[in-house]
Amino acid sequence: MKLISLLDHLAATPASSAAAPRRDVLAQLGRAAAAALPLALGTLPAAAATNDTPLDALLQLLQLERLQAALYTQGLAATGLIPAGQTADFQRLLAHQNQHVAFLTRTLQDAGSAAPTAPTFDFSGRRNVASNPELFPAVFSNYDNFLALAQQIEDLGVRLYQYQAFNINSDTRLTQAVLRMQSVEAQHSAHVRSLRRGRGATVGTWPSDEDATIVRPAAQALTTAATGGEANVVQFASASTQVPFSTFFLIRDNTAIHDPALAEAFDEPITSAVGQAALNLFS
């Protein structure tokens, strides 16, 4: 998995005995890049390309964390939506998201780059235009719909963090912080998935091809591209050499492993452009 190479890189990089100021940590962002990049990533059209610079990565992750915080803030404020026994769960998830927002905002500021103004998120998918079609119906009046959207956004977060970690891996401390935040996103995803399974949804604790598809109207293709699909069974030993895992691990009587669970162990591809298109559904 690509993540393994990143972890190897971190393990091989000696840590400084004294923590460097965050301004030095993010010096590689460059003031020229900061001046040239539109800060409000949420204002970019869905088809616009994003550059994979450290600044782009932090700005996109900040938009993701703000989106997640807004979802849980509005969900907790919706009367009768979240069962009393699960309110504390979402209060804790919200606290984590707020911590991530604060960290990313402070990191950008200490690097000399102003954080953009948070957009007004619209979880109906109408993008704050009443005449637009409702892509995510009854999110704050139907608990199952709320959980389904929470799962998709948390799944998106896990994949986007893993992708963006490679765009900031020139700094070990920041990469380690981002990977810790990704692990929290993965715990959130697993918890929301468990809540859905407890309510009868066909869904695993982690993404699987055996999960029942979450049906959405016009947004289905985009949300599937960003959060769905668990078909990858390929790992590269080098840039041109694949490890044939479907026949590599042999069990009794030299029978190769052929199981849908094999794909669950592999990273799924996502790009910042696909992630941004999904984020843009809500603002």
C-alpha atoms as a PDB file:
ATOM      1  CA  MET A   1       0.000   0.000   0.000  1.00  0.00           C
ATOM      2  CA  LYS A   2       1.177   3.500  -0.720  1.00  0.00           C
ATOM      3  CA  LEU A   3       0.649   4.378   2.932  1.00  0.00           C
ATOM      4  CA  ILE A   4       3.350   1.883   3.938  1.00  0.00           C
ATOM      5  CA  SER A   5       5.968   3.806   1.961  1.00  0.00           C
ATOM      6  CA  LEU A   6       4.957   6.993   3.751  1.00  0.00           C
ATOM      7  CA  LEU A   7       5.257   5.333   7.159  1.00  0.00           C
ATOM      8  CA  ASP A   8       8.686   3.988   6.172  1.00  0.00           C
ATOM      9  CA  HIS A   9       9.702   7.516   5.216  1.00  0.00           C
ATOM     10  CA  LEU A  10       8.582   8.883   8.577  1.00  0.00           C
ATOM     11  CA  ALA A  11      10.381   6.129  10.471  1.00  0.00           C
ATOM     12  CA  ALA A  12      13.608   6.829   8.605  1.00  0.00           C
ATOM     13  CA  THR A  13      13.489  10.595   9.173  1.00  0.00           C
ATOM     14  CA  PRO A  14      15.315  11.685  12.344  1.00  0.00           C
ATOM     15  CA  ALA A  15      13.236  13.930  14.581  1.00  0.00           C
ATOM     16  CA  SER A  16      14.706  17.193  15.772  1.00  0.00           C
ATOM     17  CA  SER A  17      15.435  17.406  19.483  1.00  0.00           C
ATOM     18  CA  ALA A  18      13.564  20.706  19.622  1.00  0.00           C
ATOM     19  CA  ALA A  19      10.226  21.277  17.962  1.00  0.00           C
ATOM     20  CA  ALA A  20      10.510  23.905  15.245  1.00  0.00           C
ATOM     21  CA  PRO A  21       8.023  26.760  15.175  1.00  0.00           C
ATOM     22  CA  ARG A  22       5.097  26.105  12.858  1.00  0.00           C
ATOM     23  CA  ARG A  23       6.207  29.073  10.736  1.00  0.00           C
ATOM     24  CA  ASP A  24       9.404  27.143   9.992  1.00  0.00           C
ATOM     25  CA  VAL A  25       7.516  23.875   9.672  1.00  0.00           C
ATOM     26  CA  LEU A  26       5.457  25.307   6.815  1.00  0.00           C
ATOM     27  CA  ALA A  27       8.142  27.472   5.260  1.00  0.00           C
ATOM     28  CA  GLN A  28       8.054  25.189   2.218  1.00  0.00           C
ATOM     29  CA  LEU A  29       4.603  26.520   1.380  1.00  0.00           C
ATOM     30  CA  GLY A  30       6.226  29.616  -0.054  1.00  0.00           C
ATOM     31  CA  ARG A  31       4.762  33.105  -0.007  1.00  0.00           C
ATOM     32  CA  ALA A  32       4.542  33.154  -3.814  1.00  0.00           C
ATOM     33  CA  ALA A  33       2.367  30.052  -3.795  1.00  0.00           C
ATOM     34  CA  ALA A  34       0.237  31.489  -1.023  1.00  0.00           C
ATOM     35  CA  ALA A  35      -0.291  34.692  -2.964  1.00  0.00           C
ATOM     36  CA  ALA A  36      -1.159  32.885  -6.194  1.00  0.00           C
ATOM     37  CA  LEU A  37      -3.629  30.366  -4.760  1.00  0.00           C
ATOM     38  CA  PRO A  38      -7.299  31.335  -4.344  1.00  0.00           C
ATOM     39  CA  LEU A  39      -7.829  30.832  -0.614  1.00  0.00           C
ATOM     40  CA  ALA A  40     -11.551  30.097  -0.786  1.00  0.00           C
ATOM     41  CA  LEU A  41     -11.304  26.610  -2.246  1.00  0.00           C
ATOM     42  CA  GLY A  42     -15.019  26.234  -1.673  1.00  0.00           C
ATOM     43  CA  THR A  43     -15.654  28.841  -4.356  1.00  0.00           C
ATOM     44  CA  LEU A  44     -13.945  26.824  -7.067  1.00  0.00           C
ATOM     45  CA  PRO A  45     -16.263  25.143  -9.596  1.00  0.00           C
ATOM     46  CA  ALA A  46     -16.527  21.383  -9.283  1.00  0.00           C
ATOM     47  CA  ALA A  47     -14.565  20.828 -12.497  1.00  0.00           C
ATOM     48  CA  ALA A  48     -11.658  23.068 -11.508  1.00  0.00           C
ATOM     49  CA  ALA A  49      -8.302  21.410 -10.942  1.00  0.00           C
ATOM     50  CA  THR A  50      -6.523  21.790  -7.629  1.00  0.00           C
ATOM     51  CA  ASN A  51      -2.760  21.858  -7.253  1.00  0.00           C
ATOM     52  CA  ASP A  52      -1.203  19.332  -4.934  1.00  0.00           C
ATOM     53  CA  THR A  53       0.923  21.706  -2.868  1.00  0.00           C
ATOM     54  CA  PRO A  54       1.180  21.676   0.926  1.00  0.00           C
ATOM     55  CA  LEU A  55      -0.935  24.831   1.048  1.00  0.00           C
ATOM     56  CA  ASP A  56      -3.615  23.281  -1.162  1.00  0.00           C
ATOM     57  CA  ALA A  57      -3.634  20.216   1.061  1.00  0.00           C
ATOM     58  CA  LEU A  58      -4.121  22.157   4.296  1.00  0.00           C
ATOM     59  CA  LEU A  59      -6.815  24.380   2.814  1.00  0.00           C
ATOM     60  CA  GLN A  60      -8.760  21.412   1.500  1.00  0.00           C
ATOM     61  CA  LEU A  61      -8.493  19.531   4.785  1.00  0.00           C
ATOM     62  CA  LEU A  62      -9.689  22.647   6.609  1.00  0.00           C
ATOM     63  CA  GLN A  63     -12.757  22.805   4.360  1.00  0.00           C
ATOM     64  CA  LEU A  64     -13.416  19.106   5.051  1.00  0.00           C
ATOM     65  CA  GLU A  65     -13.155  19.554   8.814  1.00  0.00           C
ATOM     66  CA  ARG A  66     -15.420  22.597   8.764  1.00  0.00           C
ATOM     67  CA  LEU A  67     -17.965  20.596   6.763  1.00  0.00           C
ATOM     68  CA  GLN A  68     -17.921  17.760   9.287  1.00  0.00           C
ATOM     69  CA  ALA A  69     -18.156  20.152  12.236  1.00  0.00           C
ATOM     70  CA  ALA A  70     -21.131  21.906  10.641  1.00  0.00           C
ATOM     71  CA  LEU A  71     -22.905  18.584  10.006  1.00  0.00           C
ATOM     72  CA  TYR A  72     -22.661  17.528  13.653  1.00  0.00           C
ATOM     73  CA  THR A  73     -23.439  21.009  14.962  1.00  0.00           C
ATOM     74  CA  GLN A  74     -26.651  21.160  12.940  1.00  0.00           C
ATOM     75  CA  GLY A  75     -27.514  17.541  13.716  1.00  0.00           C
ATOM     76  CA  LEU A  76     -27.190  18.091  17.453  1.00  0.00           C
ATOM     77  CA  ALA A  77     -29.301  21.248  17.182  1.00  0.00           C
ATOM     78  CA  ALA A  78     -32.114  19.500  15.274  1.00  0.00           C
ATOM     79  CA  THR A  79     -34.916  18.695  17.731  1.00  0.00           C
ATOM     80  CA  GLY A  80     -35.595  14.977  18.074  1.00  0.00           C
ATOM     81  CA  LEU A  81     -33.108  13.896  15.400  1.00  0.00           C
ATOM     82  CA  ILE A  82     -30.401  12.098  17.383  1.00  0.00           C
ATOM     83  CA  PRO A  83     -31.593   9.582  19.997  1.00  0.00           C
ATOM     84  CA  ALA A  84     -30.764  10.626  23.557  1.00  0.00           C
ATOM     85  CA  GLY A  85     -28.543   7.591  24.051  1.00  0.00           C
ATOM     86  CA  GLN A  86     -26.337   8.622  21.125  1.00  0.00           C
ATOM     87  CA  THR A  87     -26.162  12.361  21.721  1.00  0.00           C
ATOM     88  CA  ALA A  88     -22.888  12.067  23.634  1.00  0.00           C
ATOM     89  CA  ASP A  89     -21.377  10.150  20.707  1.00  0.00           C
ATOM     90  CA  PHE A  90     -21.930  13.032  18.318  1.00  0.00           C
ATOM     91  CA  GLN A  91     -20.875  15.603  20.881  1.00  0.00           C
ATOM     92  CA  ARG A  92     -17.536  13.812  21.032  1.00  0.00           C
ATOM     93  CA  LEU A  93     -17.278  13.600  17.239  1.00  0.00           C
ATOM     94  CA  LEU A  94     -18.005  17.315  17.036  1.00  0.00           C
ATOM     95  CA  ALA A  95     -15.348  18.079  19.649  1.00  0.00           C
ATOM     96  CA  HIS A  96     -12.778  16.195  17.556  1.00  0.00           C
ATOM     97  CA  GLN A  97     -13.741  18.076  14.386  1.00  0.00           C
ATOM     98  CA  ASN A  98     -13.509  21.418  16.182  1.00  0.00           C
ATOM     99  CA  GLN A  99     -10.042  20.479  17.443  1.00  0.00           C
ATOM    100  CA  HIS A 100      -8.971  19.641  13.890  1.00  0.00           C
ATOM    101  CA  VAL A 101     -10.370  22.929  12.577  1.00  0.00           C
ATOM    102  CA  ALA A 102      -8.471  24.834  15.261  1.00  0.00           C
ATOM    103  CA  PHE A 103      -5.210  23.006  14.509  1.00  0.00           C
ATOM    104  CA  LEU A 104      -5.387  23.521  10.740  1.00  0.00           C
ATOM    105  CA  THR A 105      -6.400  27.178  11.128  1.00  0.00           C
ATOM    106  CA  ARG A 106      -3.561  27.867  13.561  1.00  0.00           C
ATOM    107  CA  THR A 107      -1.059  26.045  11.354  1.00  0.00           C
ATOM    108  CA  LEU A 108      -2.006  28.146   8.335  1.00  0.00           C
ATOM    109  CA  GLN A 109      -1.883  31.357  10.341  1.00  0.00           C
ATOM    110  CA  ASP A 110       1.499  30.551  11.860  1.00  0.00           C
ATOM    111  CA  ALA A 111       2.807  29.867   8.355  1.00  0.00           C
ATOM    112  CA  GLY A 112       1.750  33.364   7.294  1.00  0.00           C
ATOM    113  CA  SER A 113      -1.339  32.344   5.309  1.00  0.00           C
ATOM    114  CA  ALA A 114      -4.792  33.551   6.316  1.00  0.00           C
ATOM    115  CA  ALA A 115      -7.460  30.882   6.607  1.00  0.00           C
ATOM    116  CA  PRO A 116     -10.433  31.538   4.301  1.00  0.00           C
ATOM    117  CA  THR A 117     -13.833  32.473   5.655  1.00  0.00           C
ATOM    118  CA  ALA A 118     -15.931  29.376   6.315  1.00  0.00           C
ATOM    119  CA  PRO A 119     -18.727  28.920   3.764  1.00  0.00           C
ATOM    120  CA  THR A 120     -22.365  28.421   4.689  1.00  0.00           C
ATOM    121  CA  PHE A 121     -22.820  24.685   4.246  1.00  0.00           C
ATOM    122  CA  ASP A 122     -26.077  23.352   2.805  1.00  0.00           C
ATOM    123  CA  PHE A 123     -26.478  19.643   3.541  1.00  0.00           C
ATOM    124  CA  SER A 124     -29.476  19.300   1.235  1.00  0.00           C
ATOM    125  CA  GLY A 125     -27.098  19.522  -1.716  1.00  0.00           C
ATOM    126  CA  ARG A 126     -28.936  22.563  -3.096  1.00  0.00           C
ATOM    127  CA  ARG A 127     -25.866  24.718  -2.473  1.00  0.00           C
ATOM    128  CA  ASN A 128     -27.964  27.410  -0.816  1.00  0.00           C
ATOM    129  CA  VAL A 129     -30.150  27.870  -3.925  1.00  0.00           C
ATOM    130  CA  ALA A 130     -33.755  26.879  -3.231  1.00  0.00           C
ATOM    131  CA  SER A 131     -34.496  26.091  -6.879  1.00  0.00           C
ATOM    132  CA  ASN A 132     -31.702  23.512  -7.113  1.00  0.00           C
ATOM    133  CA  PRO A 133     -32.612  19.828  -6.729  1.00  0.00           C
ATOM    134  CA  GLU A 134     -32.375  18.304  -3.256  1.00  0.00           C
ATOM    135  CA  LEU A 135     -29.590  15.745  -3.448  1.00  0.00           C
ATOM    136  CA  PHE A 136     -29.637  14.671   0.210  1.00  0.00           C
ATOM    137  CA  PRO A 137     -33.251  14.641   1.438  1.00  0.00           C
ATOM    138  CA  ALA A 138     -34.368  15.009   5.062  1.00  0.00           C
ATOM    139  CA  VAL A 139     -30.859  14.964   6.530  1.00  0.00           C
ATOM    140  CA  PHE A 140     -31.952  16.754   9.710  1.00  0.00           C
ATOM    141  CA  SER A 141     -35.385  15.192  10.091  1.00  0.00           C
ATOM    142  CA  ASN A 142     -34.641  11.527   9.361  1.00  0.00           C
ATOM    143  CA  TYR A 143     -31.956   9.926  11.539  1.00  0.00           C
ATOM    144  CA  ASP A 144     -31.127   7.188   9.032  1.00  0.00           C
ATOM    145  CA  ASN A 145     -30.561   9.803   6.315  1.00  0.00           C
ATOM    146  CA  PHE A 146     -28.380  11.784   8.712  1.00  0.00           C
ATOM    147  CA  LEU A 147     -26.264   8.714   9.512  1.00  0.00           C
ATOM    148  CA  ALA A 148     -25.940   7.795   5.840  1.00  0.00           C
ATOM    149  CA  LEU A 149     -24.600  11.227   4.955  1.00  0.00           C
ATOM    150  CA  ALA A 150     -22.327  11.245   8.011  1.00  0.00           C
ATOM    151  CA  GLN A 151     -20.865   7.914   6.881  1.00  0.00           C
ATOM    152  CA  GLN A 152     -20.159   9.175   3.382  1.00  0.00           C
ATOM    153  CA  ILE A 153     -18.525  12.365   4.628  1.00  0.00           C
ATOM    154  CA  GLU A 154     -16.394  10.484   7.167  1.00  0.00           C
ATOM    155  CA  ASP A 155     -15.357   7.940   4.518  1.00  0.00           C
ATOM    156  CA  LEU A 156     -14.426  10.846   2.266  1.00  0.00           C
ATOM    157  CA  GLY A 157     -12.378  12.328   5.086  1.00  0.00           C
ATOM    158  CA  VAL A 158     -10.324   9.161   5.583  1.00  0.00           C
ATOM    159  CA  ARG A 159      -9.431   8.959   1.902  1.00  0.00           C
ATOM    160  CA  LEU A 160      -8.735  12.650   1.503  1.00  0.00           C
ATOM    161  CA  TYR A 161      -6.444  12.745   4.535  1.00  0.00           C
ATOM    162  CA  GLN A 162      -4.472   9.802   3.223  1.00  0.00           C
ATOM    163  CA  TYR A 163      -4.091  11.423  -0.195  1.00  0.00           C
ATOM    164  CA  GLN A 164      -3.075  14.813   1.177  1.00  0.00           C
ATOM    165  CA  ALA A 165      -0.575  13.329   3.629  1.00  0.00           C
ATOM    166  CA  PHE A 166       1.714  12.696   0.653  1.00  0.00           C
ATOM    167  CA  ASN A 167       1.516  16.350  -0.352  1.00  0.00           C
ATOM    168  CA  ILE A 168       2.945  17.539   2.972  1.00  0.00           C
ATOM    169  CA  ASN A 169       5.415  14.720   3.607  1.00  0.00           C
ATOM    170  CA  SER A 170       8.396  17.069   3.289  1.00  0.00           C
ATOM    171  CA  ASP A 171       7.776  17.887   6.959  1.00  0.00           C
ATOM    172  CA  THR A 172       7.771  14.956   9.346  1.00  0.00           C
ATOM    173  CA  ARG A 173       6.003  16.604  12.282  1.00  0.00           C
ATOM    174  CA  LEU A 174       3.138  17.930  10.182  1.00  0.00           C
ATOM    175  CA  THR A 175       2.744  14.608   8.382  1.00  0.00           C
ATOM    176  CA  GLN A 176       2.574  12.776  11.700  1.00  0.00           C
ATOM    177  CA  ALA A 177      -0.102  15.188  12.926  1.00  0.00           C
ATOM    178  CA  VAL A 178      -2.147  14.721   9.751  1.00  0.00           C
ATOM    179  CA  LEU A 179      -1.904  10.928   9.995  1.00  0.00           C
ATOM    180  CA  ARG A 180      -3.104  11.061  13.606  1.00  0.00           C
ATOM    181  CA  MET A 181      -6.056  13.146  12.474  1.00  0.00           C
ATOM    182  CA  GLN A 182      -6.747  10.625   9.713  1.00  0.00           C
ATOM    183  CA  SER A 183      -6.854   7.831  12.288  1.00  0.00           C
ATOM    184  CA  VAL A 184      -9.494   9.811  14.189  1.00  0.00           C
ATOM    185  CA  GLU A 185     -11.517  10.155  10.975  1.00  0.00           C
ATOM    186  CA  ALA A 186     -11.294   6.386  10.510  1.00  0.00           C
ATOM    187  CA  GLN A 187     -12.604   5.850  14.051  1.00  0.00           C
ATOM    188  CA  HIS A 188     -15.484   8.220  13.307  1.00  0.00           C
ATOM    189  CA  SER A 189     -16.308   6.325  10.124  1.00  0.00           C
ATOM    190  CA  ALA A 190     -16.265   2.994  11.958  1.00  0.00           C
ATOM    191  CA  HIS A 191     -18.511   4.323  14.717  1.00  0.00           C
ATOM    192  CA  VAL A 192     -21.075   5.827  12.358  1.00  0.00           C
ATOM    193  CA  ARG A 193     -21.074   2.613  10.342  1.00  0.00           C
ATOM    194  CA  SER A 194     -21.696   0.630  13.522  1.00  0.00           C
ATOM    195  CA  LEU A 195     -24.626   2.891  14.404  1.00  0.00           C
ATOM    196  CA  ARG A 196     -26.120   2.310  10.965  1.00  0.00           C
ATOM    197  CA  ARG A 197     -25.632  -1.449  11.241  1.00  0.00           C
ATOM    198  CA  GLY A 198     -27.397  -1.381  14.610  1.00  0.00           C
ATOM    199  CA  ARG A 199     -30.380   0.138  12.823  1.00  0.00           C
ATOM    200  CA  GLY A 200     -30.511  -2.608  10.205  1.00  0.00           C
ATOM    201  CA  ALA A 201     -28.302  -1.202   7.436  1.00  0.00           C
ATOM    202  CA  THR A 202     -26.127  -3.652   5.533  1.00  0.00           C
ATOM    203  CA  VAL A 203     -22.766  -2.063   6.199  1.00  0.00           C
ATOM    204  CA  GLY A 204     -19.443  -3.151   7.649  1.00  0.00           C
ATOM    205  CA  THR A 205     -17.319  -1.441  10.262  1.00  0.00           C
ATOM    206  CA  TRP A 206     -14.960  -0.431   7.461  1.00  0.00           C
ATOM    207  CA  PRO A 207     -15.643   0.103   3.718  1.00  0.00           C
ATOM    208  CA  SER A 208     -16.427  -3.092   1.866  1.00  0.00           C
ATOM    209  CA  ASP A 209     -17.889  -4.171  -1.463  1.00  0.00           C
ATOM    210  CA  GLU A 210     -20.477  -5.978   0.631  1.00  0.00           C
ATOM    211  CA  ASP A 211     -21.889  -2.659   1.911  1.00  0.00           C
ATOM    212  CA  ALA A 212     -25.328  -1.838   0.571  1.00  0.00           C
ATOM    213  CA  THR A 213     -25.208   1.149  -1.766  1.00  0.00           C
ATOM    214  CA  ILE A 214     -26.426   4.432  -0.314  1.00  0.00           C
ATOM    215  CA  VAL A 215     -28.823   5.612  -2.996  1.00  0.00           C
ATOM    216  CA  ARG A 216     -28.741   9.310  -3.792  1.00  0.00           C
ATOM    217  CA  PRO A 217     -30.468  11.070  -6.709  1.00  0.00           C
ATOM    218  CA  ALA A 218     -28.225  13.199  -8.950  1.00  0.00           C
ATOM    219  CA  ALA A 219     -25.275  13.080  -6.560  1.00  0.00           C
ATOM    220  CA  GLN A 220     -24.934   9.306  -6.646  1.00  0.00           C
ATOM    221  CA  ALA A 221     -22.134   9.102  -9.199  1.00  0.00           C
ATOM    222  CA  LEU A 222     -20.062  11.782  -7.519  1.00  0.00           C
ATOM    223  CA  THR A 223     -20.426  10.522  -3.970  1.00  0.00           C
ATOM    224  CA  THR A 224     -19.648   6.998  -5.144  1.00  0.00           C
ATOM    225  CA  ALA A 225     -16.499   8.229  -6.872  1.00  0.00           C
ATOM    226  CA  ALA A 226     -15.405   9.969  -3.687  1.00  0.00           C
ATOM    227  CA  THR A 227     -16.469   7.467  -1.021  1.00  0.00           C
ATOM    228  CA  GLY A 228     -17.510   4.188  -2.661  1.00  0.00           C
ATOM    229  CA  GLY A 229     -15.833   1.253  -4.325  1.00  0.00           C
ATOM    230  CA  GLU A 230     -13.610  -1.317  -2.656  1.00  0.00           C
ATOM    231  CA  ALA A 231     -12.305  -3.232  -5.646  1.00  0.00           C
ATOM    232  CA  ASN A 232      -8.597  -2.474  -5.453  1.00  0.00           C
ATOM    233  CA  VAL A 233      -6.468  -5.590  -4.920  1.00  0.00           C
ATOM    234  CA  VAL A 234      -3.230  -4.192  -6.362  1.00  0.00           C
ATOM    235  CA  GLN A 235      -0.102  -3.208  -4.501  1.00  0.00           C
ATOM    236  CA  PHE A 236       3.074  -2.053  -6.209  1.00  0.00           C
ATOM    237  CA  ALA A 237       6.478  -3.354  -5.198  1.00  0.00           C
ATOM    238  CA  SER A 238       7.941  -0.670  -7.450  1.00  0.00           C
ATOM    239  CA  ALA A 239       6.603   1.847  -9.939  1.00  0.00           C
ATOM    240  CA  SER A 240       6.249  -0.865 -12.572  1.00  0.00           C
ATOM    241  CA  THR A 241       6.005  -4.107 -10.578  1.00  0.00           C
ATOM    242  CA  GLN A 242       2.768  -5.287  -9.007  1.00  0.00           C
ATOM    243  CA  VAL A 243       2.522  -7.716  -6.116  1.00  0.00           C
ATOM    244  CA  PRO A 244       0.013 -10.394  -7.205  1.00  0.00           C
ATOM    245  CA  PHE A 245      -1.841 -10.689  -3.915  1.00  0.00           C
ATOM    246  CA  SER A 246      -4.653 -12.749  -5.389  1.00  0.00           C
ATOM    247  CA  THR A 247      -2.188 -15.645  -5.736  1.00  0.00           C
ATOM    248  CA  PHE A 248       0.580 -14.557  -3.375  1.00  0.00           C
ATOM    249  CA  PHE A 249      -0.881 -15.798  -0.091  1.00  0.00           C
ATOM    250  CA  LEU A 250      -1.524 -19.536  -0.185  1.00  0.00           C
ATOM    251  CA  ILE A 251      -3.565 -21.452   2.354  1.00  0.00           C
ATOM    252  CA  ARG A 252      -4.209 -25.164   2.815  1.00  0.00           C
ATOM    253  CA  ASP A 253      -3.441 -27.389  -0.213  1.00  0.00           C
ATOM    254  CA  ASN A 254      -1.880 -24.459  -2.089  1.00  0.00           C
ATOM    255  CA  THR A 255      -5.263 -22.801  -2.552  1.00  0.00           C
ATOM    256  CA  ALA A 256      -4.909 -19.089  -3.187  1.00  0.00           C
ATOM    257  CA  ILE A 257      -7.028 -16.622  -1.259  1.00  0.00           C
ATOM    258  CA  HIS A 258     -10.001 -15.449  -3.290  1.00  0.00           C
ATOM    259  CA  ASP A 259     -12.222 -13.459  -1.005  1.00  0.00           C
ATOM    260  CA  PRO A 260     -13.982 -10.076  -1.253  1.00  0.00           C
ATOM    261  CA  ALA A 261     -12.348  -9.224   2.072  1.00  0.00           C
ATOM    262  CA  LEU A 262      -8.960  -9.094   0.315  1.00  0.00           C
ATOM    263  CA  ALA A 263      -9.884  -5.807  -1.341  1.00  0.00           C
ATOM    264  CA  GLU A 264     -10.739  -4.265   2.018  1.00  0.00           C
ATOM    265  CA  ALA A 265      -7.053  -4.305   2.957  1.00  0.00           C
ATOM    266  CA  PHE A 266      -5.991  -2.016   0.113  1.00  0.00           C
ATOM    267  CA  ASP A 267      -6.056   1.730  -0.323  1.00  0.00           C
ATOM    268  CA  GLU A 268      -8.620   3.135  -2.714  1.00  0.00           C
ATOM    269  CA  PRO A 269      -7.592   5.886  -5.106  1.00  0.00           C
ATOM    270  CA  ILE A 270      -8.918   9.404  -4.665  1.00  0.00           C
ATOM    271  CA  THR A 271      -7.593  12.698  -5.955  1.00  0.00           C
ATOM    272  CA  SER A 272      -7.914  16.191  -4.574  1.00  0.00           C
ATOM    273  CA  ALA A 273     -10.069  17.069  -7.603  1.00  0.00           C
ATOM    274  CA  VAL A 274     -12.566  14.295  -6.853  1.00  0.00           C
ATOM    275  CA  GLY A 275     -12.549  15.207  -3.184  1.00  0.00           C
ATOM    276  CA  GLN A 276     -13.107  18.874  -3.987  1.00  0.00           C
ATOM    277  CA  ALA A 277     -16.009  18.070  -6.268  1.00  0.00           C
ATOM    278  CA  ALA A 278     -17.644  16.171  -3.397  1.00  0.00           C
ATOM    279  CA  LEU A 279     -16.983  19.013  -0.949  1.00  0.00           C
ATOM    280  CA  ASN A 280     -18.494  21.483  -3.402  1.00  0.00           C
ATOM    281  CA  LEU A 281     -21.836  19.674  -3.211  1.00  0.00           C
ATOM    282  CA  PHE A 282     -22.428  21.384   0.124  1.00  0.00           C
ATOM    283  CA  SER A 283     -21.444  25.005  -0.516  1.00  0.00           C
END
